[in-house]
Structures are given as C-alpha cells and as structure tokens.
Protein backbone atom coordinates (compact mmCIF):
# COMPACT_ATOMS: atom_id res chain seq x y z
CA UNK A 1 -44.67 60.95 -30.68
CA UNK A 2 -48.12 62.11 -29.94
CA UNK A 3 -50.72 63.56 -31.96
CA UNK A 4 -54.51 63.94 -30.95
CA UNK A 5 -56.91 62.65 -33.11
CA UNK A 6 -59.13 64.52 -35.23
CA UNK A 7 -62.31 65.99 -32.90
CA UNK A 8 -64.31 63.80 -35.51
CA UNK A 9 -62.25 60.91 -35.33
CA UNK A 10 -63.79 58.87 -32.38
CA UNK A 11 -63.13 55.36 -31.36
CA UNK A 12 -66.89 54.10 -31.67
CA UNK A 13 -66.89 55.23 -35.52
CA UNK A 14 -63.40 54.47 -35.77
CA UNK A 15 -63.80 50.51 -34.11
CA UNK A 16 -67.23 50.24 -36.63
CA UNK A 17 -65.66 50.57 -40.33
CA UNK A 18 -62.59 48.97 -39.37
CA UNK A 19 -64.54 45.91 -38.20
CA UNK A 20 -67.01 45.98 -41.04
CA UNK A 21 -64.24 46.94 -43.46
CA UNK A 22 -62.02 44.02 -42.48
CA UNK A 23 -65.17 41.41 -42.68
CA UNK A 24 -65.57 42.62 -46.22
CA UNK A 25 -61.79 42.02 -46.96
CA UNK A 26 -62.12 38.30 -45.03
CA UNK A 27 -64.68 37.97 -47.92
CA UNK A 28 -62.63 38.89 -50.79
CA UNK A 29 -64.56 42.04 -51.31
CA UNK A 30 -63.71 43.96 -54.27
CA UNK A 31 -64.74 47.61 -55.48
CA UNK A 32 -63.64 50.85 -53.91
CA UNK A 33 -62.63 49.56 -50.69
CA UNK A 34 -59.81 47.18 -51.62
CA UNK A 35 -56.80 48.41 -53.81
CA UNK A 36 -57.05 46.34 -57.11
CA UNK A 37 -53.79 45.05 -56.85
CA UNK A 38 -53.82 44.59 -53.04
CA UNK A 39 -53.59 40.60 -52.55
CA UNK A 40 -53.09 41.11 -48.54
CA UNK A 41 -50.45 40.46 -46.61
CA UNK A 42 -50.15 37.10 -44.70
CA UNK A 43 -48.55 36.58 -41.02
CA UNK A 44 -44.83 36.10 -41.57
CA UNK A 45 -43.93 32.05 -42.39
CA UNK A 46 -41.17 31.79 -39.80
CA UNK A 47 -39.20 28.73 -39.51
CA UNK A 48 -37.34 26.98 -36.50
CA UNK A 49 -37.82 28.01 -32.34
CA UNK A 50 -38.42 31.90 -31.41
CA UNK A 51 -35.60 33.62 -31.23
CA UNK A 52 -34.85 36.88 -30.13
CA UNK A 53 -31.64 39.52 -30.10
CA UNK A 54 -31.28 42.69 -28.55
CA UNK A 55 -31.19 46.31 -30.01
CA UNK A 56 -31.34 49.68 -28.80
CA UNK A 57 -33.26 52.73 -30.43
CA UNK A 58 -30.72 56.01 -30.59
CA UNK A 59 -34.34 57.87 -29.70
CA UNK A 60 -33.63 56.44 -26.39
CA UNK A 61 -31.00 59.06 -25.87
CA UNK A 62 -32.88 61.94 -27.59
CA UNK A 63 -31.65 63.93 -24.47
CA UNK A 64 -28.25 63.82 -26.11
CA UNK A 65 -28.97 64.15 -29.46
CA UNK A 66 -31.13 67.08 -29.56
CA UNK A 67 -31.26 68.87 -32.44
CA UNK A 68 -30.54 72.47 -31.41
CA UNK A 69 -27.74 71.70 -28.62
CA UNK A 70 -26.58 68.14 -29.20
CA UNK A 71 -23.96 66.68 -26.98
CA UNK A 72 -24.17 62.84 -28.47
CA UNK A 73 -23.56 62.12 -31.83
CA UNK A 74 -24.64 59.00 -34.08
CA UNK A 75 -21.08 57.34 -34.06
CA UNK A 76 -21.56 58.20 -29.43
CA UNK A 77 -24.27 56.42 -29.69
CA UNK A 78 -22.73 53.39 -31.46
CA UNK A 79 -20.12 53.56 -28.93
CA UNK A 80 -22.71 53.65 -26.30
CA UNK A 81 -24.83 50.50 -27.72
CA UNK A 82 -21.45 48.36 -28.42
CA UNK A 83 -20.67 49.01 -24.30
CA UNK A 84 -23.92 47.49 -23.24
CA UNK A 85 -23.19 44.11 -25.23
CA UNK A 86 -26.02 44.52 -27.62
CA UNK A 87 -26.78 42.32 -31.10
CA UNK A 88 -27.46 46.13 -32.49
CA UNK A 89 -28.73 49.13 -32.60
CA UNK A 90 -31.19 50.77 -34.67
CA UNK A 91 -30.18 54.45 -36.17
CA UNK A 92 -33.06 56.59 -36.12
CA UNK A 93 -33.23 59.13 -38.89
CA UNK A 94 -34.53 61.90 -36.88
CA UNK A 95 -31.05 62.03 -35.36
CA UNK A 96 -28.99 62.26 -38.15
CA UNK A 97 -30.41 66.02 -38.09
CA UNK A 98 -27.26 66.87 -35.65
CA UNK A 99 -24.65 65.68 -38.44
CA UNK A 100 -23.33 69.12 -39.44
CA UNK A 101 -22.61 67.82 -42.72
CA UNK A 102 -24.49 66.71 -45.83
CA UNK A 103 -25.66 63.15 -45.03
CA UNK A 104 -23.91 61.73 -47.88
CA UNK A 105 -22.92 58.23 -48.73
CA UNK A 106 -19.33 58.21 -47.14
CA UNK A 107 -21.08 59.46 -43.95
CA UNK A 108 -23.30 56.78 -44.02
CA UNK A 109 -20.60 54.22 -44.75
CA UNK A 110 -18.38 55.63 -41.78
CA UNK A 111 -21.38 54.49 -39.98
CA UNK A 112 -21.84 51.10 -40.79
CA UNK A 113 -18.30 50.33 -40.68
CA UNK A 114 -18.20 51.61 -37.10
CA UNK A 115 -21.18 49.47 -36.18
CA UNK A 116 -19.77 46.43 -37.93
CA UNK A 117 -16.15 47.05 -36.47
CA UNK A 118 -17.53 47.06 -32.62
CA UNK A 119 -19.80 43.89 -33.46
CA UNK A 120 -22.83 45.00 -33.88
CA UNK A 121 -25.69 44.72 -36.87
CA UNK A 122 -27.62 48.04 -37.39
CA UNK A 123 -31.08 46.52 -36.95
CA UNK A 124 -32.90 49.10 -38.34
CA UNK A 125 -33.88 52.68 -38.66
CA UNK A 126 -37.09 54.60 -38.49
CA UNK A 127 -38.54 57.33 -39.99
CA UNK A 128 -41.41 60.05 -39.64
CA UNK A 129 -44.31 59.70 -42.37
CA UNK A 130 -47.99 60.19 -43.42
CA UNK A 131 -49.20 58.09 -46.21
CA UNK A 132 -52.94 59.77 -45.29
CA UNK A 133 -52.32 62.70 -46.80
CA UNK A 134 -54.35 63.71 -49.89
CA UNK A 135 -52.55 64.27 -53.44
CA UNK A 136 -50.29 67.43 -53.29
CA UNK A 137 -46.75 68.77 -52.48
CA UNK A 138 -47.22 67.67 -48.71
CA UNK A 139 -47.92 64.06 -49.86
CA UNK A 140 -45.30 63.48 -51.99
CA UNK A 141 -42.66 64.79 -50.00
CA UNK A 142 -43.49 62.08 -47.14
CA UNK A 143 -42.91 59.74 -50.29
CA UNK A 144 -39.65 61.28 -51.27
CA UNK A 145 -38.47 60.89 -47.50
CA UNK A 146 -39.51 57.27 -47.77
CA UNK A 147 -37.63 56.78 -50.84
CA UNK A 148 -34.53 58.74 -49.50
CA UNK A 149 -34.42 56.70 -46.27
CA UNK A 150 -35.19 53.92 -48.30
CA UNK A 151 -31.50 54.70 -50.03
CA UNK A 152 -29.93 55.14 -46.37
CA UNK A 153 -30.79 52.19 -45.26
CA UNK A 154 -29.29 49.86 -48.16
CA UNK A 155 -26.33 52.05 -47.59
CA UNK A 156 -26.14 51.73 -44.44
CA UNK A 157 -26.99 48.13 -44.10
CA UNK A 158 -30.31 48.61 -42.40
CA UNK A 159 -32.68 45.50 -42.92
CA UNK A 160 -35.82 47.38 -42.26
CA UNK A 161 -37.30 50.58 -42.04
CA UNK A 162 -40.10 51.34 -39.52
CA UNK A 163 -42.77 53.46 -41.20
CA UNK A 164 -46.30 55.03 -39.75
CA UNK A 165 -49.56 55.06 -41.72
CA UNK A 166 -50.83 58.69 -40.69
CA UNK A 167 -54.21 60.28 -39.34
CA UNK A 168 -57.07 61.13 -40.80
CA UNK A 169 -57.24 64.90 -42.19
CA UNK A 170 -59.57 67.39 -40.68
CA UNK A 171 -62.89 66.85 -42.40
CA UNK A 172 -62.22 63.71 -44.05
CA UNK A 173 -62.88 59.97 -43.49
CA UNK A 174 -61.42 56.65 -42.02
CA UNK A 175 -61.89 55.15 -45.12
CA UNK A 176 -59.97 57.45 -47.71
CA UNK A 177 -57.45 58.09 -45.44
CA UNK A 178 -56.93 54.21 -45.57
CA UNK A 179 -57.27 54.06 -49.17
CA UNK A 180 -54.34 56.63 -49.56
CA UNK A 181 -52.25 54.64 -46.99
CA UNK A 182 -52.37 51.56 -48.84
CA UNK A 183 -51.64 53.61 -52.34
CA UNK A 184 -48.97 54.75 -50.43
CA UNK A 185 -47.51 51.70 -48.74
CA UNK A 186 -48.14 49.96 -51.97
CA UNK A 187 -46.02 52.77 -53.97
CA UNK A 188 -43.27 52.50 -51.37
CA UNK A 189 -42.86 48.65 -51.52
CA UNK A 190 -42.28 48.71 -54.91
CA UNK A 191 -38.99 50.69 -54.31
CA UNK A 192 -38.42 48.69 -51.01
CA UNK A 193 -37.88 45.37 -52.77
CA UNK A 194 -35.46 46.93 -55.44
CA UNK A 195 -33.23 48.08 -52.89
CA UNK A 196 -33.65 45.23 -50.49
CA UNK A 197 -35.32 46.86 -47.93
CA UNK A 198 -38.37 45.96 -45.41
CA UNK A 199 -40.74 48.15 -44.82
CA UNK A 200 -42.12 47.88 -41.32
CA UNK A 201 -45.70 49.53 -40.57
CA UNK A 202 -45.60 50.83 -36.53
CA UNK A 203 -49.08 50.90 -34.46
CA UNK A 204 -48.96 54.63 -33.96
CA UNK A 205 -51.95 56.19 -33.13
CA UNK A 206 -53.78 57.43 -36.29
CA UNK A 207 -55.41 55.00 -37.96
CA UNK A 208 -53.66 51.82 -36.33
CA UNK A 209 -54.60 53.70 -32.78
CA UNK A 210 -56.30 49.83 -32.93
CA UNK A 211 -55.37 46.85 -33.51
CA UNK A 212 -58.15 46.36 -36.29
CA UNK A 213 -57.02 49.30 -37.59
CA UNK A 214 -53.22 47.84 -38.59
CA UNK A 215 -54.95 44.89 -39.81
CA UNK A 216 -56.94 46.57 -42.05
CA UNK A 217 -54.14 47.70 -43.68
CA UNK A 218 -52.17 44.33 -43.89
CA UNK A 219 -55.73 43.14 -45.75
CA UNK A 220 -55.38 45.93 -48.58
CA UNK A 221 -51.36 46.12 -49.02
CA UNK A 222 -49.64 43.88 -51.82
CA UNK A 223 -48.68 40.48 -50.42
CA UNK A 224 -44.78 41.11 -50.86
CA UNK A 225 -41.94 39.45 -48.42
CA UNK A 226 -40.61 43.41 -48.39
CA UNK A 227 -43.48 44.14 -45.65
CA UNK A 228 -44.22 43.53 -42.03
CA UNK A 229 -45.49 45.18 -38.82
CA UNK A 230 -43.35 47.07 -36.41
CA UNK A 231 -44.73 45.80 -33.18
CA UNK A 232 -44.73 48.59 -31.01
CA UNK A 233 -45.12 47.48 -27.55
CA UNK A 234 -45.78 50.64 -25.69
CA UNK A 235 -48.39 52.53 -28.23
CA UNK A 236 -52.05 50.59 -27.90
CA UNK A 237 -53.63 52.61 -25.47
CA UNK A 238 -57.01 50.83 -25.52
CA UNK A 239 -58.57 48.40 -22.82
CA UNK A 240 -56.56 45.42 -23.42
CA UNK A 241 -53.06 46.45 -24.99
CA UNK A 242 -51.73 42.98 -24.32
CA UNK A 243 -54.43 41.14 -26.54
CA UNK A 244 -53.79 43.71 -28.89
CA UNK A 245 -50.46 43.20 -29.45
CA UNK A 246 -50.67 39.33 -29.69
CA UNK A 247 -53.30 40.46 -32.97
CA UNK A 248 -50.48 42.25 -34.53
CA UNK A 249 -47.53 39.84 -33.02
CA UNK A 250 -48.22 37.45 -36.42
CA UNK A 251 -47.23 40.20 -39.28
CA UNK A 252 -43.96 41.13 -36.52
CA UNK A 253 -41.03 41.49 -38.64
CA UNK A 254 -39.01 44.35 -35.88
CA UNK A 255 -40.46 44.79 -32.52
CA UNK A 256 -39.91 47.88 -30.36
CA UNK A 257 -40.25 47.63 -26.73
CA UNK A 258 -40.99 50.45 -24.63
CA UNK A 259 -40.84 50.15 -20.49
CA UNK A 260 -44.72 51.75 -19.74
CA UNK A 261 -47.89 51.19 -20.95
CA UNK A 262 -50.90 53.47 -21.05
CA UNK A 263 -54.29 51.49 -21.17
CA UNK A 264 -57.58 53.14 -21.59
CA UNK A 265 -58.74 54.93 -18.90
CA UNK A 266 -56.13 53.71 -16.76
CA UNK A 267 -53.28 55.55 -14.97
CA UNK A 268 -49.99 54.61 -17.10
CA UNK A 269 -48.26 51.82 -15.26
CA UNK A 270 -44.76 49.92 -15.94
CA UNK A 271 -45.46 47.45 -19.10
CA UNK A 272 -45.05 43.68 -17.90
CA UNK A 273 -41.69 43.05 -20.55
CA UNK A 274 -41.79 39.30 -19.82
CA UNK A 275 -45.49 39.29 -20.79
CA UNK A 276 -44.60 41.41 -23.73
CA UNK A 277 -41.72 38.93 -24.51
CA UNK A 278 -43.99 36.17 -24.11
CA UNK A 279 -46.61 37.44 -26.78
CA UNK A 280 -43.77 37.62 -29.36
CA UNK A 281 -42.44 33.87 -28.35
CA UNK A 282 -45.98 32.73 -28.99
CA UNK A 283 -45.94 34.27 -32.43
CA UNK A 284 -42.79 32.38 -32.93
CA UNK A 285 -41.25 35.95 -33.56
CA UNK A 286 -37.82 35.64 -35.18
CA UNK A 287 -36.21 38.97 -35.25
CA UNK A 288 -34.66 41.87 -32.68
CA UNK A 289 -36.15 42.98 -30.23
CA UNK A 290 -35.56 46.58 -30.17
CA UNK A 291 -35.53 49.16 -26.57
CA UNK A 292 -37.10 52.54 -27.32
CA UNK A 293 -36.67 53.81 -23.80
CA UNK A 294 -39.38 56.85 -23.09
CA UNK A 295 -39.01 56.72 -19.63
CA UNK A 296 -38.49 59.99 -17.16
CA UNK A 297 -35.28 58.86 -15.67
CA UNK A 298 -31.77 59.51 -16.34
CA UNK A 299 -31.06 57.17 -19.94
CA UNK A 300 -27.51 56.51 -19.11
CA UNK A 301 -28.96 55.07 -15.84
CA UNK A 302 -32.48 53.24 -16.88
CA UNK A 303 -31.39 52.08 -19.94
CA UNK A 304 -28.63 49.65 -18.62
CA UNK A 305 -30.80 47.74 -16.32
CA UNK A 306 -33.85 47.35 -19.02
CA UNK A 307 -31.25 46.11 -21.21
CA UNK A 308 -30.63 43.21 -18.15
CA UNK A 309 -34.74 42.74 -17.77
CA UNK A 310 -35.02 42.04 -21.74
CA UNK A 311 -31.79 39.80 -21.73
CA UNK A 312 -33.36 37.73 -18.78
CA UNK A 313 -36.34 37.80 -21.07
CA UNK A 314 -35.44 36.48 -24.27
CA UNK A 315 -33.07 34.02 -22.61
CA UNK A 316 -29.78 35.43 -23.68
C-alpha cells in the first residue's frame, strides 16, 4: 500500500524535525515534545543466539484473496502455507473481508484449530490504522478498529499485530502528527497488554518513511513489553535503506521480508535477502521472518522460490 506524502511534508523538513526531536528525547527533555507518560521503548532484550522461523503473509496472495471476486479463502491460504512446510502464517486482516458471514468467535477459532492441526503457528496479523488523525470520528474509528483486532488476535492466538503510525494531515506539522501517534499507540498498548498481544509499529511511509521517524516514536511511547517494531525490509525508500534497516532492527519483534528494494533516486532492484537476514542476525533477532510477496510474478510460482532462499539464508 503506497500513500503519497502531503506536499508540505518535504524530506528536508521532516529530517530536520526528527533529528532535533530525537536529540531532545536523548537529553531527557520534557514539555510539549515528550508525552507525559512516555518512558521510551528500549531495544528488545534477547537471550541466546539469533534464531529465525519462516512465515508467509496472506497479503502475498492478494491476487486470489480479492475482496470482490475471491478465488481463495483464508482457510485455503492456511492450507497453502502448510504445503510449503513453513513454521507459521500471517493472517492479514484485510482478507477477512471476503468471509461471507460476520467475523465471529466461531470462525476465528476454526482458523486457529486448522492452523494447529496443520502444524502451523499463526505468527501474527496486520491492520490498517492511522494514529496521526485529529480528534474526531475518523480517529475514534481507527482506535476502535485497533482494539477490535487486538481482541481477534487474542482469539486466534496471534502474538503480534502489525500497526501503522500514519501520515501528517494536510496543513499540519510533523510534531503534531508525532504527538497524536504516540498518544494512539499508548492508548492501544494499554488495551493490548490486557489481552496479551504485542503491537509492532511498521516503517511504512508517512512519519515513519525514514528510520529517524520510527525511532522518534520509540523514544516517546511508554516502555512496555507489549510494544516493538515491525521490521519491513522493503519500505525504506531512502539513499541507504539497508543502513536504515540496521537502525531499527534492535527494536524488531516481527520481520516482514519483501523481495524488492526501491532506494531513493534509483530504479527498483532485487533485495539482497542474505544481507537483510544478516542485519537481523547482527541485532540478535529471534522470531519470525514473514515473506510478504509484492512482486509482479505469479505468486504460486514465485513464492516457493523465495521461501527456499529465505530458508537457506536463516539456516533452516
């Protein structure tokens, strides 16, 4: 999903603000910049050697999980993931919309049972939210959507939800958007902690288009074991995307792997999967690497090839 930044949200302005605000956070500045309840999330404390497991995002099969004319259901996807001998599968929330009935506990438990019977973990789920919105109906709907999926994740046994930060509203400032995002994350974290679900914020455009933006959020949210970063290998369109990935890897609680990179001012290029896994390895990452295939090839043909590459890269 790609959203064009607002015209006022220039790279130079954003970079200047984020670097300045990160410096203030590091110095322990108070006042308007830091949320009163924020203690600052810290890099994940890990024990043991790096260890990675393989999963696949349902988003990879969006061609078949189409909202209007689906030719694959979520149970079909789970069966497909099992056929690839994966450790887990990510049940991306978008594709629950093709379920013909109401999403209820019985349906969610049937997916949990099917995955378990086929030897798969449900490695996580993912939602579409925007915490940068001003107070009003749209913001409340985004917060309600997040709480609803925290409930769903708890039912299906998904340990983590990928969330977004959001985008600077037209005519507003990066600082205001950042403060709203932190407030939305903190409010949602309080609920997620009650349900035992981790919220992982992704580097996904908007105020997280650069590593400094994501780290600025980490420096302000409450220090909670239920918070971390969703490391998305293909979402930094900067001059040095691999360097930016290395900055956020210490905070990663989930990792989504794309097969392409689009560095700034350069054409799209194949991702160096070995280099990406090395970045996670250097950060001591222990957890799932989730293939999120967005390539132009036929998913059912290409996905097995990339799963094999990732299996070799993580030594499984």
